[in-house]
Every structure is written in structure tokens, then in C-alpha cells.
C-alpha atoms as a PDB file:
ATOM      1  CA  MET A   1      60.513  93.774  80.350  1.00  0.00           C
ATOM      2  CA  ASN A   2      61.951  91.341  82.500  1.00  0.00           C
ATOM      3  CA  VAL A   3      65.880  91.338  81.512  1.00  0.00           C
ATOM      4  CA  LEU A   4      68.601  88.884  82.593  1.00  0.00           C
ATOM      5  CA  ALA A   5      72.130  90.456  82.900  1.00  0.00           C
ATOM      6  CA  ILE A   6      74.427  87.598  82.950  1.00  0.00           C
ATOM      7  CA  GLY A   7      78.159  88.646  84.376  1.00  0.00           C
ATOM      8  CA  ALA A   8      76.295  91.913  85.316  1.00  0.00           C
ATOM      9  CA  ALA A   9      78.967  92.972  87.949  1.00  0.00           C
ATOM     10  CA  GLY A  10      81.562  94.382  85.940  1.00  0.00           C
ATOM     11  CA  PHE A  11      82.359  97.503  85.019  1.00  0.00           C
ATOM     12  CA  VAL A  12      79.910  97.609  81.673  1.00  0.00           C
ATOM     13  CA  GLY A  13      77.199  95.640  83.373  1.00  0.00           C
ATOM     14  CA  LEU A  14      76.735  97.429  86.380  1.00  0.00           C
ATOM     15  CA  SER A  15      76.269 100.771  84.537  1.00  0.00           C
ATOM     16  CA  ALA A  16      73.571  99.018  81.753  1.00  0.00           C
ATOM     17  CA  ILE A  17      71.405  97.723  84.296  1.00  0.00           C
ATOM     18  CA  SER A  18      71.802 100.558  86.437  1.00  0.00           C
ATOM     19  CA  ARG A  19      70.228 102.450  82.974  1.00  0.00           C
ATOM     20  CA  LEU A  20      67.630  99.480  82.051  1.00  0.00           C
ATOM     21  CA  TYR A  21      66.459 100.244  86.246  1.00  0.00           C
ATOM     22  CA  GLU A  22      65.689 103.821  85.689  1.00  0.00           C
ATOM     23  CA  THR A  23      63.614 103.150  82.394  1.00  0.00           C
ATOM     24  CA  GLY A  24      61.537 100.722  83.969  1.00  0.00           C
ATOM     25  CA  HIS A  25      62.510  97.483  83.120  1.00  0.00           C
ATOM     26  CA  LYS A  26      63.052  94.540  85.562  1.00  0.00           C
ATOM     27  CA  VAL A  27      66.210  93.524  85.902  1.00  0.00           C
ATOM     28  CA  ARG A  28      67.658  90.320  87.242  1.00  0.00           C
ATOM     29  CA  ILE A  29      71.514  89.691  87.522  1.00  0.00           C
ATOM     30  CA  ALA A  30      73.483  86.425  87.315  1.00  0.00           C
ATOM     31  CA  ASP A  31      76.950  86.395  88.296  1.00  0.00           C
ATOM     32  CA  THR A  32      79.715  84.391  90.398  1.00  0.00           C
ATOM     33  CA  ARG A  33      78.969  84.547  94.360  1.00  0.00           C
ATOM     34  CA  ASP A  34      82.427  86.652  94.785  1.00  0.00           C
ATOM     35  CA  ARG A  35      81.077  89.066  92.527  1.00  0.00           C
ATOM     36  CA  LEU A  36      78.281  89.825  93.395  1.00  0.00           C
ATOM     37  CA  LEU A  37      79.117  90.278  97.319  1.00  0.00           C
ATOM     38  CA  ASN A  38      82.051  92.658  96.315  1.00  0.00           C
ATOM     39  CA  THR A  39      79.276  94.782  94.329  1.00  0.00           C
ATOM     40  CA  LEU A  40      76.698  94.216  96.669  1.00  0.00           C
ATOM     41  CA  PRO A  41      76.092  98.040  97.596  1.00  0.00           C
ATOM     42  CA  LEU A  42      75.957  98.825  93.762  1.00  0.00           C
ATOM     43  CA  ILE A  43      73.103  96.152  93.108  1.00  0.00           C
ATOM     44  CA  GLN A  44      70.626  96.024  95.632  1.00  0.00           C
ATOM     45  CA  ASN A  45      67.995  96.865  93.832  1.00  0.00           C
ATOM     46  CA  TYR A  46      68.134  93.475  91.528  1.00  0.00           C
ATOM     47  CA  GLU A  47      67.124  90.405  91.762  1.00  0.00           C
ATOM     48  CA  GLN A  48      70.516  88.133  91.882  1.00  0.00           C
ATOM     49  CA  VAL A  49      71.476  84.951  90.814  1.00  0.00           C
ATOM     50  CA  VAL A  50      74.310  83.003  91.358  1.00  0.00           C
ATOM     51  CA  LEU A  51      75.875  81.903  88.499  1.00  0.00           C
ATOM     52  CA  ASP A  52      79.689  80.566  88.516  1.00  0.00           C
ATOM     53  CA  TRP A  53      80.459  81.323  84.844  1.00  0.00           C
ATOM     54  CA  PRO A  54      81.601  79.288  82.620  1.00  0.00           C
ATOM     55  CA  ASP A  55      79.357  76.585  84.696  1.00  0.00           C
ATOM     56  CA  THR A  56      76.344  77.493  83.143  1.00  0.00           C
ATOM     57  CA  GLN A  57      74.417  74.380  85.336  1.00  0.00           C
ATOM     58  CA  TYR A  58      72.190  77.160  86.820  1.00  0.00           C
ATOM     59  CA  LEU A  59      70.762  78.697  83.759  1.00  0.00           C
ATOM     60  CA  ASN A  60      67.448  77.245  83.527  1.00  0.00           C
ATOM     61  CA  ASN A  61      66.828  79.074  87.395  1.00  0.00           C
ATOM     62  CA  ALA A  62      68.135  82.009  86.094  1.00  0.00           C
ATOM     63  CA  LEU A  63      66.465  82.053  82.866  1.00  0.00           C
ATOM     64  CA  GLU A  64      62.768  81.820  83.970  1.00  0.00           C
ATOM     65  CA  GLY A  65      60.238  84.575  82.971  1.00  0.00           C
ATOM     66  CA  ILE A  66      62.889  86.602  81.415  1.00  0.00           C
ATOM     67  CA  ASP A  67      62.424  88.272  77.938  1.00  0.00           C
ATOM     68  CA  VAL A  68      65.825  89.311  76.749  1.00  0.00           C
ATOM     69  CA  VAL A  69      69.231  88.393  78.060  1.00  0.00           C
ATOM     70  CA  LEU A  70      72.074  90.452  78.237  1.00  0.00           C
ATOM     71  CA  HIS A  71      75.215  88.550  77.913  1.00  0.00           C
ATOM     72  CA  PHE A  72      78.480  89.802  79.631  1.00  0.00           C
ATOM     73  CA  ALA A  73      80.039  87.681  80.879  1.00  0.00           C
ATOM     74  CA  TRP A  74      83.754  86.817  79.715  1.00  0.00           C
ATOM     75  CA  THR A  75      86.878  85.378  81.718  1.00  0.00           C
ATOM     76  CA  THR A  76      89.560  86.883  79.564  1.00  0.00           C
ATOM     77  CA  SER A  77      91.311  89.878  78.619  1.00  0.00           C
ATOM     78  CA  PRO A  78      93.181  90.644  75.418  1.00  0.00           C
ATOM     79  CA  ALA A  79      96.559  90.127  76.783  1.00  0.00           C
ATOM     80  CA  SER A  80      95.087  87.252  79.141  1.00  0.00           C
ATOM     81  CA  SER A  81      93.876  85.362  76.287  1.00  0.00           C
ATOM     82  CA  MET A  82      97.225  85.162  74.736  1.00  0.00           C
ATOM     83  CA  ARG A  83      98.722  83.233  77.522  1.00  0.00           C
ATOM     84  CA  ASN A  84      96.239  80.574  77.648  1.00  0.00           C
ATOM     85  CA  ILE A  85      94.286  80.292  73.812  1.00  0.00           C
ATOM     86  CA  GLU A  86      92.397  76.564  74.791  1.00  0.00           C
ATOM     87  CA  ALA A  87      91.547  78.223  78.425  1.00  0.00           C
ATOM     88  CA  ASP A  88      90.027  81.442  76.681  1.00  0.00           C
ATOM     89  CA  ALA A  89      88.192  79.287  73.720  1.00  0.00           C
ATOM     90  CA  MET A  90      86.753  76.841  76.261  1.00  0.00           C
ATOM     91  CA  GLN A  91      85.719  79.129  79.111  1.00  0.00           C
ATOM     92  CA  ASN A  92      83.997  81.678  77.142  1.00  0.00           C
ATOM     93  CA  ILE A  93      83.176  80.343  73.528  1.00  0.00           C
ATOM     94  CA  LEU A  94      81.024  76.531  74.551  1.00  0.00           C
ATOM     95  CA  PRO A  95      79.263  78.299  77.652  1.00  0.00           C
ATOM     96  CA  SER A  96      77.851  81.411  75.647  1.00  0.00           C
ATOM     97  CA  ILE A  97      76.742  78.253  72.350  1.00  0.00           C
ATOM     98  CA  LYS A  98      75.413  76.909  76.223  1.00  0.00           C
ATOM     99  CA  LEU A  99      73.389  80.048  76.927  1.00  0.00           C
ATOM    100  CA  ALA A 100      71.999  80.068  73.340  1.00  0.00           C
ATOM    101  CA  GLU A 101      70.456  76.682  73.714  1.00  0.00           C
ATOM    102  CA  ALA A 102      68.954  77.594  77.049  1.00  0.00           C
ATOM    103  CA  CYS A 103      67.132  80.957  75.825  1.00  0.00           C
ATOM    104  CA  VAL A 104      65.651  78.918  72.857  1.00  0.00           C
ATOM    105  CA  GLU A 105      64.888  76.444  75.455  1.00  0.00           C
ATOM    106  CA  HIS A 106      63.100  78.874  77.489  1.00  0.00           C
ATOM    107  CA  ARG A 107      61.361  80.890  74.719  1.00  0.00           C
ATOM    108  CA  VAL A 108      63.936  84.091  75.145  1.00  0.00           C
ATOM    109  CA  ASN A 109      62.545  86.809  72.763  1.00  0.00           C
ATOM    110  CA  ARG A 110      66.564  88.062  72.341  1.00  0.00           C
ATOM    111  CA  LEU A 111      69.827  87.696  73.251  1.00  0.00           C
ATOM    112  CA  ILE A 112      72.256  90.586  73.175  1.00  0.00           C
ATOM    113  CA  PHE A 113      76.223  89.869  73.354  1.00  0.00           C
ATOM    114  CA  MET A 114      78.361  92.256  74.086  1.00  0.00           C
ATOM    115  CA  SER A 115      81.376  91.871  71.828  1.00  0.00           C
ATOM    116  CA  SER A 116      84.541  93.862  71.199  1.00  0.00           C
ATOM    117  CA  GLY A 117      84.531  96.607  68.019  1.00  0.00           C
ATOM    118  CA  GLY A 118      88.211  97.199  69.385  1.00  0.00           C
ATOM    119  CA  THR A 119      89.542  93.414  68.554  1.00  0.00           C
ATOM    120  CA  VAL A 120      87.186  91.467  66.069  1.00  0.00           C
ATOM    121  CA  TYR A 121      88.637  93.663  63.087  1.00  0.00           C
ATOM    122  CA  GLY A 122      92.346  93.346  63.704  1.00  0.00           C
ATOM    123  CA  ASN A 123      94.915  95.797  62.170  1.00  0.00           C
ATOM    124  CA  VAL A 124      92.975  98.109  59.291  1.00  0.00           C
ATOM    125  CA  ALA A 125      94.179 100.443  56.710  1.00  0.00           C
ATOM    126  CA  GLU A 126      91.111 103.011  56.658  1.00  0.00           C
ATOM    127  CA  GLU A 127      90.641 106.199  59.367  1.00  0.00           C
ATOM    128  CA  ILE A 128      86.734 105.100  60.172  1.00  0.00           C
ATOM    129  CA  ILE A 129      85.462 101.409  59.398  1.00  0.00           C
ATOM    130  CA  ASP A 130      82.170 100.228  59.797  1.00  0.00           C
ATOM    131  CA  GLU A 131      80.423  96.595  60.194  1.00  0.00           C
ATOM    132  CA  SER A 132      81.183  95.586  56.482  1.00  0.00           C
ATOM    133  CA  HIS A 133      84.841  95.684  57.169  1.00  0.00           C
ATOM    134  CA  VAL A 134      86.634  92.402  57.005  1.00  0.00           C
ATOM    135  CA  THR A 135      87.467  90.917  60.917  1.00  0.00           C
ATOM    136  CA  SER A 136      90.832  89.503  61.269  1.00  0.00           C
ATOM    137  CA  PRO A 137      91.345  89.615  64.819  1.00  0.00           C
ATOM    138  CA  LEU A 138      95.425  89.552  66.166  1.00  0.00           C
ATOM    139  CA  CYS A 139      94.353  87.792  69.570  1.00  0.00           C
ATOM    140  CA  ALA A 140      92.355  84.850  71.207  1.00  0.00           C
ATOM    141  CA  TYR A 141      89.874  86.985  72.743  1.00  0.00           C
ATOM    142  CA  GLY A 142      88.943  88.698  69.568  1.00  0.00           C
ATOM    143  CA  VAL A 143      88.805  85.263  67.784  1.00  0.00           C
ATOM    144  CA  SER A 144      86.588  83.763  70.821  1.00  0.00           C
ATOM    145  CA  LYS A 145      84.059  87.040  70.417  1.00  0.00           C
ATOM    146  CA  LEU A 146      83.809  87.059  66.473  1.00  0.00           C
ATOM    147  CA  SER A 147      83.209  82.870  67.065  1.00  0.00           C
ATOM    148  CA  VAL A 148      80.235  83.927  69.739  1.00  0.00           C
ATOM    149  CA  GLU A 149      78.928  86.283  66.840  1.00  0.00           C
ATOM    150  CA  LYS A 150      78.666  83.507  64.020  1.00  0.00           C
ATOM    151  CA  TYR A 151      77.305  81.088  66.375  1.00  0.00           C
ATOM    152  CA  LEU A 152      74.569  83.523  67.252  1.00  0.00           C
ATOM    153  CA  TYR A 153      73.495  83.582  63.605  1.00  0.00           C
ATOM    154  CA  ILE A 154      73.677  80.475  63.339  1.00  0.00           C
ATOM    155  CA  PHE A 155      71.150  79.914  66.271  1.00  0.00           C
ATOM    156  CA  SER A 156      69.145  82.454  65.089  1.00  0.00           C
ATOM    157  CA  LYS A 157      68.544  81.383  61.569  1.00  0.00           C
ATOM    158  CA  LYS A 158      67.912  77.888  63.015  1.00  0.00           C
ATOM    159  CA  HIS A 159      65.752  78.740  65.948  1.00  0.00           C
ATOM    160  CA  ASN A 160      64.083  82.043  65.108  1.00  0.00           C
ATOM    161  CA  LEU A 161      66.264  83.680  68.372  1.00  0.00           C
ATOM    162  CA  ASP A 162      66.575  87.317  68.005  1.00  0.00           C
ATOM    163  CA  THR A 163      69.916  88.199  68.511  1.00  0.00           C
ATOM    164  CA  ILE A 164      72.016  91.451  68.464  1.00  0.00           C
ATOM    165  CA  SER A 165      76.096  91.584  68.581  1.00  0.00           C
ATOM    166  CA  LEU A 166      77.153  95.109  69.573  1.00  0.00           C
ATOM    167  CA  ARG A 167      80.721  95.944  68.878  1.00  0.00           C
ATOM    168  CA  ILE A 168      81.672  98.228  71.522  1.00  0.00           C
ATOM    169  CA  SER A 169      84.696 100.279  70.496  1.00  0.00           C
ATOM    170  CA  ASN A 170      86.640 100.848  74.341  1.00  0.00           C
ATOM    171  CA  PRO A 171      84.331 101.764  77.200  1.00  0.00           C
ATOM    172  CA  TYR A 172      85.780 103.933  79.649  1.00  0.00           C
ATOM    173  CA  GLY A 173      84.052 105.380  82.665  1.00  0.00           C
ATOM    174  CA  ASN A 174      83.675 105.564  86.513  1.00  0.00           C
ATOM    175  CA  PHE A 175      83.474 101.953  87.854  1.00  0.00           C
ATOM    176  CA  GLN A 176      86.820 101.091  86.191  1.00  0.00           C
ATOM    177  CA  LEU A 177      88.298 102.832  88.875  1.00  0.00           C
ATOM    178  CA  LEU A 178      86.669 100.496  91.495  1.00  0.00           C
ATOM    179  CA  GLY A 179      89.543  97.925  91.267  1.00  0.00           C
ATOM    180  CA  SER A 180      89.234  96.861  87.455  1.00  0.00           C
ATOM    181  CA  LYS A 181      92.244  95.179  85.799  1.00  0.00           C
ATOM    182  CA  VAL A 182      91.284  96.319  82.545  1.00  0.00           C
ATOM    183  CA  GLY A 183      91.320 100.201  80.480  1.00  0.00           C
ATOM    184  CA  ALA A 184      94.182 102.172  79.577  1.00  0.00           C
ATOM    185  CA  ILE A 185      92.330 105.272  80.718  1.00  0.00           C
ATOM    186  CA  ALA A 186      91.496 103.724  84.509  1.00  0.00           C
ATOM    187  CA  SER A 187      94.815 102.641  85.168  1.00  0.00           C
ATOM    188  CA  PHE A 188      96.614 105.334  83.871  1.00  0.00           C
ATOM    189  CA  LEU A 189      94.303 107.953  86.279  1.00  0.00           C
ATOM    190  CA  ARG A 190      95.140 105.717  89.436  1.00  0.00           C
ATOM    191  CA  HIS A 191      98.981 105.895  88.409  1.00  0.00           C
ATOM    192  CA  THR A 192      98.847 109.620  87.986  1.00  0.00           C
ATOM    193  CA  HIS A 193      96.832 110.129  91.260  1.00  0.00           C
ATOM    194  CA  LYS A 194      99.145 107.935  93.617  1.00  0.00           C
ATOM    195  CA  GLY A 195     102.125 109.690  91.407  1.00  0.00           C
ATOM    196  CA  LYS A 196     103.299 106.286  90.181  1.00  0.00           C
ATOM    197  CA  PRO A 197     104.789 105.843  86.796  1.00  0.00           C
ATOM    198  CA  ILE A 198     102.877 104.766  83.811  1.00  0.00           C
ATOM    199  CA  ASN A 199     103.921 101.613  81.618  1.00  0.00           C
ATOM    200  CA  LEU A 200     103.259 102.339  78.066  1.00  0.00           C
ATOM    201  CA  PHE A 201     103.899  99.829  75.355  1.00  0.00           C
ATOM    202  CA  GLY A 202     104.931 101.467  72.274  1.00  0.00           C
ATOM    203  CA  ASP A 203     105.267 104.907  70.947  1.00  0.00           C
ATOM    204  CA  GLY A 204     102.146 106.256  72.549  1.00  0.00           C
ATOM    205  CA  GLY A 205     100.977 106.379  68.701  1.00  0.00           C
ATOM    206  CA  THR A 206      97.935 103.509  69.017  1.00  0.00           C
ATOM    207  CA  VAL A 207      94.936 104.735  68.282  1.00  0.00           C
ATOM    208  CA  ARG A 208      91.593 103.977  69.815  1.00  0.00           C
ATOM    209  CA  ASP A 209      87.766 105.058  69.690  1.00  0.00           C
ATOM    210  CA  TYR A 210      86.962 105.565  73.682  1.00  0.00           C
ATOM    211  CA  LEU A 211      83.399 105.905  74.727  1.00  0.00           C
ATOM    212  CA  HIS A 212      81.739 107.086  77.975  1.00  0.00           C
ATOM    213  CA  ILE A 213      79.989 104.091  79.526  1.00  0.00           C
ATOM    214  CA  ASP A 214      77.092 106.621  79.850  1.00  0.00           C
ATOM    215  CA  ASP A 215      76.624 106.466  76.109  1.00  0.00           C
ATOM    216  CA  VAL A 216      77.575 102.611  76.130  1.00  0.00           C
ATOM    217  CA  SER A 217      74.581 102.143  78.579  1.00  0.00           C
ATOM    218  CA  LYS A 218      71.820 104.029  76.906  1.00  0.00           C
ATOM    219  CA  ALA A 219      72.911 102.123  73.699  1.00  0.00           C
ATOM    220  CA  ILE A 220      72.269  99.034  75.289  1.00  0.00           C
ATOM    221  CA  ALA A 221      69.049  99.806  76.491  1.00  0.00           C
ATOM    222  CA  LEU A 222      68.042 100.723  73.159  1.00  0.00           C
ATOM    223  CA  ALA A 223      69.399  97.595  71.716  1.00  0.00           C
ATOM    224  CA  VAL A 224      66.448  95.938  74.306  1.00  0.00           C
ATOM    225  CA  GLU A 225      63.796  97.724  73.259  1.00  0.00           C
ATOM    226  CA  MET A 226      64.711  98.139  69.243  1.00  0.00           C
ATOM    227  CA  ASN A 227      62.286  96.670  67.036  1.00  0.00           C
ATOM    228  CA  THR A 228      64.317  94.342  65.024  1.00  0.00           C
ATOM    229  CA  MET A 229      64.240  90.481  63.727  1.00  0.00           C
ATOM    230  CA  GLY A 230      66.943  88.042  63.234  1.00  0.00           C
ATOM    231  CA  ALA A 231      70.662  88.198  63.402  1.00  0.00           C
ATOM    232  CA  GLU A 232      71.917  91.930  63.925  1.00  0.00           C
ATOM    233  CA  VAL A 233      75.818  93.480  64.541  1.00  0.00           C
ATOM    234  CA  PHE A 234      76.145  96.779  65.395  1.00  0.00           C
ATOM    235  CA  ASN A 235      79.173  98.762  66.090  1.00  0.00           C
ATOM    236  CA  ILE A 236      78.870 100.855  69.190  1.00  0.00           C
ATOM    237  CA  SER A 237      81.391 103.858  69.223  1.00  0.00           C
ATOM    238  CA  SER A 238      82.163 107.724  69.196  1.00  0.00           C
ATOM    239  CA  GLY A 239      83.844 107.714  66.030  1.00  0.00           C
ATOM    240  CA  ILE A 240      86.752 109.569  67.037  1.00  0.00           C
ATOM    241  CA  GLY A 241      90.362 108.519  67.724  1.00  0.00           C
ATOM    242  CA  TYR A 242      92.932 109.297  70.185  1.00  0.00           C
ATOM    243  CA  SER A 243      96.194 108.137  70.711  1.00  0.00           C
ATOM    244  CA  LEU A 244      97.444 106.507  73.982  1.00  0.00           C
ATOM    245  CA  GLN A 245      99.749 109.841  74.073  1.00  0.00           C
ATOM    246  CA  ASP A 246      96.770 111.952  73.366  1.00  0.00           C
ATOM    247  CA  THR A 247      95.212 110.489  76.765  1.00  0.00           C
ATOM    248  CA  LEU A 248      98.375 111.077  78.683  1.00  0.00           C
ATOM    249  CA  ASP A 249      98.438 114.837  77.729  1.00  0.00           C
ATOM    250  CA  ILE A 250      94.619 115.156  78.609  1.00  0.00           C
ATOM    251  CA  ILE A 251      94.949 113.175  81.863  1.00  0.00           C
ATOM    252  CA  LYS A 252      97.933 116.026  82.439  1.00  0.00           C
ATOM    253  CA  ALA A 253      95.731 118.870  81.655  1.00  0.00           C
ATOM    254  CA  VAL A 254      92.650 117.655  84.245  1.00  0.00           C
ATOM    255  CA  SER A 255      94.902 116.490  86.686  1.00  0.00           C
ATOM    256  CA  GLY A 256      97.616 119.280  86.664  1.00  0.00           C
ATOM    257  CA  LYS A 257     100.130 116.340  87.560  1.00  0.00           C
ATOM    258  CA  GLU A 258     103.450 115.567  86.009  1.00  0.00           C
ATOM    259  CA  ILE A 259     103.231 112.150  84.393  1.00  0.00           C
ATOM    260  CA  GLU A 260     106.098 109.717  84.478  1.00  0.00           C
ATOM    261  CA  ILE A 261     105.996 106.899  81.639  1.00  0.00           C
ATOM    262  CA  ASN A 262     108.103 104.088  81.526  1.00  0.00           C
ATOM    263  CA  ARG A 263     108.035 103.170  77.632  1.00  0.00           C
ATOM    264  CA  LEU A 264     107.982  99.395  76.865  1.00  0.00           C
ATOM    265  CA  GLU A 265     108.290  97.505  73.623  1.00  0.00           C
ATOM    266  CA  GLU A 266     105.042  97.025  71.680  1.00  0.00           C
ATOM    267  CA  ARG A 267     102.627  94.151  72.102  1.00  0.00           C
ATOM    268  CA  ARG A 268     102.473  92.131  68.930  1.00  0.00           C
ATOM    269  CA  PHE A 269      98.672  91.507  69.720  1.00  0.00           C
ATOM    270  CA  ASP A 270      97.764  95.073  70.187  1.00  0.00           C
ATOM    271  CA  VAL A 271      95.429  96.691  67.214  1.00  0.00           C
ATOM    272  CA  ARG A 272      97.927  99.535  66.044  1.00  0.00           C
ATOM    273  CA  HIS A 273      94.643 102.083  64.814  1.00  0.00           C
ATOM    274  CA  ILE A 274      90.751 101.406  65.365  1.00  0.00           C
ATOM    275  CA  VAL A 275      88.239 103.815  65.146  1.00  0.00           C
ATOM    276  CA  LEU A 276      84.686 102.627  64.447  1.00  0.00           C
ATOM    277  CA  SER A 277      81.557 104.459  62.304  1.00  0.00           C
ATOM    278  CA  SER A 278      78.521 103.633  64.842  1.00  0.00           C
ATOM    279  CA  LYS A 279      76.420 105.340  61.656  1.00  0.00           C
ATOM    280  CA  ARG A 280      73.898 101.835  61.325  1.00  0.00           C
ATOM    281  CA  PHE A 281      72.943 101.555  64.863  1.00  0.00           C
ATOM    282  CA  GLN A 282      72.372 105.720  65.302  1.00  0.00           C
ATOM    283  CA  ASN A 283      70.179 105.775  61.838  1.00  0.00           C
ATOM    284  CA  THR A 284      68.231 102.506  63.313  1.00  0.00           C
ATOM    285  CA  THR A 285      67.925 103.625  66.839  1.00  0.00           C
ATOM    286  CA  GLY A 286      68.584 107.692  66.833  1.00  0.00           C
ATOM    287  CA  TRP A 287      71.444 106.834  69.746  1.00  0.00           C
ATOM    288  CA  GLN A 288      74.105 109.914  69.650  1.00  0.00           C
ATOM    289  CA  PRO A 289      77.481 109.691  71.631  1.00  0.00           C
ATOM    290  CA  GLN A 290      77.103 112.527  74.115  1.00  0.00           C
ATOM    291  CA  ILE A 291      80.744 112.585  76.280  1.00  0.00           C
ATOM    292  CA  GLU A 292      83.580 113.738  74.743  1.00  0.00           C
ATOM    293  CA  LEU A 293      86.704 112.162  75.665  1.00  0.00           C
ATOM    294  CA  PRO A 294      88.176 115.249  77.958  1.00  0.00           C
ATOM    295  CA  GLN A 295      84.607 115.638  79.555  1.00  0.00           C
ATOM    296  CA  GLY A 296      84.599 111.993  80.514  1.00  0.00           C
ATOM    297  CA  ILE A 297      88.350 112.030  81.563  1.00  0.00           C
ATOM    298  CA  ALA A 298      87.557 114.959  83.828  1.00  0.00           C
ATOM    299  CA  MET A 299      84.437 113.241  85.154  1.00  0.00           C
ATOM    300  CA  MET A 300      86.897 110.234  86.003  1.00  0.00           C
ATOM    301  CA  TRP A 301      89.375 112.120  87.506  1.00  0.00           C
ATOM    302  CA  LYS A 302      86.598 113.887  89.807  1.00  0.00           C
ATOM    303  CA  TYR A 303      85.014 110.766  90.783  1.00  0.00           C
ATOM    304  CA  LEU A 304      88.585 108.947  91.579  1.00  0.00           C
ATOM    305  CA  GLN A 305      89.148 111.922  94.051  1.00  0.00           C
ATOM    306  CA  LYS A 306      85.778 111.743  95.848  1.00  0.00           C
ATOM    307  CA  THR A 307      86.064 107.841  96.709  1.00  0.00           C
ATOM    308  CA  GLU A 308      89.631 107.380  97.380  1.00  0.00           C
ATOM    309  CA  ASN A 309      88.844 107.022 100.570  1.00  0.00           C
ATOM    310  CA  GLY A 310      84.854 105.532 100.493  1.00  0.00           C
ATOM    311  CA  GLN A 311      85.285 102.706  98.453  1.00  0.00           C
ATOM    312  CA  LYS A 312      82.637 100.458  99.220  1.00  0.00           C
ATOM    313  CA  ALA A 313      82.387  98.057  96.188  1.00  0.00           C
ATOM    314  CA  LYS A 314      84.889  96.257  94.076  1.00  0.00           C
ATOM    315  CA  VAL A 315      84.190  96.111  90.601  1.00  0.00           C
ATOM    316  CA  ALA A 316      86.138  93.400  88.294  1.00  0.00           C
END
């Protein structure tokens, strides 16, 4: 299939398009000029289109001849979204609506949106939750992600656009080490490697559902190929919770280094506990997460040591 990946010159997008390329899909990527240049060594196998998201004026060129669109583009993180809530909404929700409109105009078969399983639900009482759980995000980032999901539902019903929203839990993996400013595990590893203290918000008891990027990429590839119609929402997750202190203990064991902790006040917009069930996606596609957190962290530590002096790309 002909796949357009918008905002693909980032951590999740780069891994996903590599998987799609390996499985025989023709991939076109659209991103800002700076991000394309920064990741040039990693994207030479793909057709490239400059698209200065949230400016969508060049969407028509990018969508020509496309069967499936992957929507990775986003300008904020959970933390940054709270510093300028209006900008978060204007830069992400409206451009996503324009993207859906353009997909309808160009008769794209499917639009797959990378939502956020870690933020759309908010604080939950249950140990593990599925897609039917009430959504109550604590940060503007989660509100905007959920809003786009709802708009895609409307587009699906009104225009018969096949849409899939993937509520990905907390992805982590090697490319986060190439300059990305998001991802607790990558940040912890970089600080440990350099012998710098780690800023830890709260008591370390915050629980997350971490999913290795290789498993995320396989799930996205299956979403491209799956036989479904209408508007779908799926959790994509490991189904296993680890606290921040757990991750630090694993990093200490893997690296053999002592870790200095700088404890800071817990942030109000941080979800305290979130673990997702991906049984529905597993039952639909046969997908299963394969890489457990200790193995994934060990892979990242090895990659960090190998690339520290030979970094040729920068991933946002």
C-alpha cells in the first residue's frame, strides 16, 4: 500500500515507517524541513515532502496517490501543553480536522491517529483498564488527543472515512536517545550515563505501562493492514505496570552505576497510575507485546554506549 506518514521524523514515526518499509509498503513521509534534515541518515529510503505542521497548506501534494495516512504530527507534550493551553488546541486539533477533510477529498482509505493511552483516561482506580473506561484527561495534551479521536469518529460517520485511533501507552526505545526531549526512561538513561542527578517528580510511585517501540511499530503495521471499517479505538500496551522507582532500579542493575536522585514536587497533571489492557487489539489482529521492560532498558543502554560518539541523526 501507499502510506503517508505525517510527522514521521520523530521517535515513534521513524520506527513505524521502518517496519512498514520492511514489510513491503511504499512510504512517503511529511515533516518540517528541519526535522527531515536532522534525521536524513534514517530516512533516505523514503520519499520526503516538506510539511510545516501545523500549517497544512501543502497537504494536497502529500496526499496524492495515498491509501493510508499515519498521523504522528503533534507540537506539544503533556508538560508543555499546560504552559499554553490555547496554543496546544490551535496547533493540534484544528490541523487534525483539516487533515481529515483532506483525506476525504483525496479518497484516502484509512486515517490512523496516534492517540495517547497514558493521558486520555486520567486517574483511574482500577489496576488495568480497557477502551470502555471513562476518559477524564488531566492535561491539555490528553484533552486535545481525545478531541481529535471524537472528530475522527464524526468524519467516519459523515464521510465513510475509515479511522483508527491507537491509544499507545508509554512508548520507549533507542531513537529516544538521539536528542528527544520526551520519555522518562531515555532521560534517566542519559543522566545515568553522564553521572548526572535525575529529577524525579513525586515519591517514585507513579506507575506507567511502558511499551517497547518495536512492539509499537508492529502494532501500527497491523493497523495499516487490518480488515476493519468505520471508526475504531484501540489500546496499544504491555498490560504491565512499573513505577518510576522500578525503572530506576532496573537501570541501576543494567548499568552497574549508582544513581543520584533529585526529588521534586509531584506535578498536578501527572496521572498517578495507568495500566492498559490491549486484549481487544490482540484479539482482532493477533498482536502480542514481546519485549519486557528489563530487556528493553538493557537494549537502550547498549545502544547508548554504542552511539554516544557516533551520533549522526537527531530525533525530536
